[in-house]
Amino acid sequence: MKKVLIFLLIVFALGCAKKEIKPTEEAPVTKERKADEGASTKKKEMVDDTLYAAKKEGDIATETEKAAAEEAISRDVLFDYDQYDIRPDARPILDSVAAWMNSHRGVSITIEGHCDERGTNEYNLALGEKRAKAAREYLSLLGVSANRLSIMTYGEERPACTQSSEDCWQKNRRAHFVLVK
């Protein structure tokens, strides 16, 4: 039964058409955008370091693999307000992470749970942990070994966006993936 469910999830994820998003206008450079670009550069360096270590252990770390690793973990899984259920739009992201991890068995990740600024610190730490656990459970269902998936909760302590608006809060309600060396 479990194998059938996993098979159906994979077939569903692969069968869905992807929408092509065309930019309408160049976004102005803001502090948040500069921070995002800096984080992206830092994440790329971590991917390079991790794959270099994997290559030393006998795996092949090509430029294509580096790009795949960066793509596989670069997108955050977003959550609704006060929720930790995996949303339908998060499933393709998690499917991509699982597929990449299943083809790179020597790599582990930490799943960070984050929240927006609303709520008490204790509540947000608990909610962030539930979000990270939900992402870990989904990846485990797709065949990623649980011992390769650690979790960390930051609650509201590491926001991706610092404005007080719904768009910004949505970016902060997330599970974020970090490669572990």
Protein backbone atom coordinates (compact mmCIF):
# COMPACT_ATOMS: atom_id res chain seq x y z
CA MET A 1 0.00 0.00 0.00
CA LYS A 2 2.84 2.39 0.90
CA LYS A 3 4.59 1.69 -2.40
CA VAL A 4 1.37 2.35 -4.33
CA LEU A 5 0.91 5.68 -2.53
CA ILE A 6 4.48 6.71 -3.26
CA PHE A 7 4.12 5.66 -6.89
CA LEU A 8 0.90 7.67 -7.25
CA LEU A 9 2.52 10.73 -5.66
CA ILE A 10 5.45 10.54 -8.06
CA VAL A 11 3.20 9.99 -11.11
CA PHE A 12 1.01 12.91 -10.05
CA ALA A 13 4.00 15.19 -9.50
CA LEU A 14 5.61 14.30 -12.82
CA GLY A 15 2.33 14.53 -14.73
CA CYS A 16 1.49 18.08 -13.70
CA ALA A 17 2.32 20.74 -16.26
CA LYS A 18 4.60 23.49 -15.07
CA LYS A 19 3.58 27.08 -15.66
CA GLU A 20 6.15 29.30 -17.26
CA ILE A 21 6.40 32.57 -15.41
CA LYS A 22 7.48 35.48 -17.53
CA PRO A 23 8.84 38.54 -15.76
CA THR A 24 6.87 41.65 -16.54
CA GLU A 25 9.31 44.19 -15.24
CA GLU A 26 12.72 44.28 -13.57
CA ALA A 27 12.23 44.54 -9.81
CA PRO A 28 14.04 47.40 -8.06
CA VAL A 29 17.05 46.46 -5.99
CA THR A 30 16.02 46.48 -2.33
CA LYS A 31 17.71 45.46 0.89
CA GLU A 32 15.68 42.22 0.84
CA ARG A 33 16.69 41.50 -2.76
CA LYS A 34 20.36 42.13 -1.97
CA ALA A 35 20.06 39.84 1.06
CA ASP A 36 18.39 37.16 -1.12
CA GLU A 37 21.22 37.42 -3.66
CA GLY A 38 23.80 37.15 -0.90
CA ALA A 39 22.03 34.11 0.56
CA SER A 40 21.90 32.56 -2.91
CA THR A 41 25.65 33.03 -3.33
CA LYS A 42 26.29 31.54 0.11
CA LYS A 43 24.02 28.57 -0.69
CA LYS A 44 25.88 28.01 -4.00
CA GLU A 45 29.21 27.98 -2.14
CA MET A 46 27.80 25.39 0.31
CA VAL A 47 26.61 23.25 -2.61
CA ASP A 48 30.05 23.49 -4.23
CA ASP A 49 31.79 22.53 -0.96
CA THR A 50 29.44 19.63 -0.29
CA LEU A 51 29.76 18.22 -3.80
CA TYR A 52 33.53 18.66 -3.69
CA ALA A 53 33.57 16.55 -0.51
CA ALA A 54 31.35 13.97 -2.22
CA LYS A 55 33.73 13.86 -5.20
CA LYS A 56 36.64 13.15 -2.86
CA GLU A 57 34.65 10.16 -1.60
CA GLY A 58 34.31 8.78 -5.14
CA ASP A 59 31.13 10.44 -6.44
CA ILE A 60 31.24 12.52 -9.61
CA ALA A 61 30.44 16.18 -9.02
CA THR A 62 29.92 17.72 -12.46
CA GLU A 63 28.67 21.21 -13.20
CA THR A 64 25.32 19.65 -14.09
CA GLU A 65 25.15 17.99 -10.67
CA LYS A 66 26.04 21.26 -8.98
CA ALA A 67 23.24 23.02 -10.84
CA ALA A 68 20.83 20.22 -9.96
CA ALA A 69 21.78 20.43 -6.27
CA GLU A 70 21.35 24.17 -6.24
CA GLU A 71 17.99 23.88 -7.98
CA ALA A 72 16.83 21.00 -5.78
CA ILE A 73 17.27 22.83 -2.49
CA SER A 74 16.99 26.45 -3.54
CA ARG A 75 13.23 26.86 -3.16
CA ASP A 76 11.55 27.08 0.21
CA VAL A 77 8.34 25.27 1.06
CA LEU A 78 5.75 27.84 2.15
CA PHE A 79 2.98 27.36 4.70
CA ASP A 80 -0.33 29.03 5.43
CA TYR A 81 -0.79 31.20 8.51
CA ASP A 82 -0.73 29.18 11.73
CA GLN A 83 -0.47 25.88 9.75
CA TYR A 84 2.09 23.16 9.21
CA ASP A 85 0.26 21.05 6.63
CA ILE A 86 2.07 20.56 3.32
CA ARG A 87 0.26 22.66 0.72
CA PRO A 88 -0.36 21.32 -2.81
CA ASP A 89 2.01 23.93 -4.29
CA ALA A 90 4.79 22.66 -2.00
CA ARG A 91 4.63 19.07 -3.20
CA PRO A 92 6.57 19.59 -6.46
CA ILE A 93 9.32 21.34 -4.48
CA LEU A 94 9.55 18.47 -2.01
CA ASP A 95 9.36 15.93 -4.86
CA SER A 96 12.34 17.64 -6.47
CA VAL A 97 14.33 17.60 -3.22
CA ALA A 98 13.50 13.92 -2.68
CA ALA A 99 14.44 12.94 -6.24
CA TRP A 100 17.76 14.74 -5.95
CA MET A 101 18.51 13.26 -2.53
CA ASN A 102 17.60 9.75 -3.70
CA SER A 103 20.11 10.06 -6.52
CA HIS A 104 22.81 11.52 -4.20
CA ARG A 105 22.75 9.14 -1.26
CA GLY A 106 25.88 10.56 0.38
CA VAL A 107 24.32 13.97 0.99
CA SER A 108 22.30 15.06 4.03
CA ILE A 109 20.24 18.18 4.63
CA THR A 110 18.92 20.17 7.54
CA ILE A 111 15.33 21.31 7.23
CA GLU A 112 14.85 24.65 8.99
CA GLY A 113 11.36 25.59 10.20
CA HIS A 114 10.51 29.30 10.18
CA CYS A 115 7.53 31.49 11.11
CA ASP A 116 6.40 35.06 10.63
CA GLU A 117 6.68 37.61 13.43
CA ARG A 118 3.16 37.11 14.76
CA GLY A 119 2.71 34.98 17.88
CA THR A 120 4.89 34.42 20.91
CA ASN A 121 8.45 33.26 20.55
CA GLU A 122 7.65 29.93 22.23
CA TYR A 123 4.66 29.33 19.96
CA ASN A 124 6.65 30.18 16.82
CA LEU A 125 9.50 27.88 17.83
CA ALA A 126 7.02 25.01 18.24
CA LEU A 127 5.27 25.83 14.95
CA GLY A 128 8.60 26.07 13.12
CA GLU A 129 9.52 22.62 14.44
CA LYS A 130 6.18 21.19 13.24
CA ARG A 131 6.80 22.67 9.77
CA ALA A 132 10.27 21.15 9.56
CA LYS A 133 8.92 17.78 10.75
CA ALA A 134 6.12 17.88 8.17
CA ALA A 135 8.66 18.44 5.37
CA ARG A 136 10.90 15.67 6.77
CA GLU A 137 7.97 13.24 6.95
CA TYR A 138 6.97 13.99 3.35
CA LEU A 139 10.55 13.44 2.14
CA SER A 140 10.71 10.18 4.12
CA LEU A 141 7.55 8.97 2.40
CA LEU A 142 9.32 9.53 -0.90
CA GLY A 143 12.17 7.24 0.11
CA VAL A 144 14.72 9.63 1.63
CA SER A 145 16.28 7.99 4.67
CA ALA A 146 15.30 9.80 7.87
CA ASN A 147 18.88 9.68 9.14
CA ARG A 148 19.86 12.03 6.29
CA LEU A 149 17.23 14.61 7.31
CA SER A 150 17.81 16.69 10.42
CA ILE A 151 15.53 19.47 11.56
CA MET A 152 16.07 22.84 13.20
CA THR A 153 13.53 25.43 14.26
CA TYR A 154 14.17 29.14 14.29
CA GLY A 155 10.62 30.35 14.83
CA GLU A 156 10.60 34.02 13.91
CA GLU A 157 14.33 34.57 14.58
CA ARG A 158 15.62 34.43 10.98
CA PRO A 159 13.12 36.19 8.74
CA ALA A 160 13.56 36.10 4.97
CA CYS A 161 11.69 39.41 4.79
CA THR A 162 11.41 42.12 7.45
CA GLN A 163 8.41 44.20 6.35
CA SER A 164 5.09 43.96 8.17
CA SER A 165 2.87 42.87 5.29
CA GLU A 166 1.09 39.68 4.27
CA ASP A 167 3.41 39.18 1.28
CA CYS A 168 6.43 39.40 3.55
CA TRP A 169 4.92 37.23 6.28
CA GLN A 170 4.18 34.55 3.64
CA LYS A 171 7.88 34.39 2.74
CA ASN A 172 8.74 33.85 6.41
CA ARG A 173 6.33 30.93 6.93
CA ARG A 174 8.62 28.33 5.41
CA ALA A 175 10.74 25.22 5.55
CA HIS A 176 14.23 26.01 4.28
CA PHE A 177 16.77 23.39 3.13
CA VAL A 178 20.49 23.53 3.92
CA LEU A 179 23.10 21.02 2.70
CA VAL A 180 25.11 19.37 5.47
CA LYS A 181 28.74 18.55 4.88
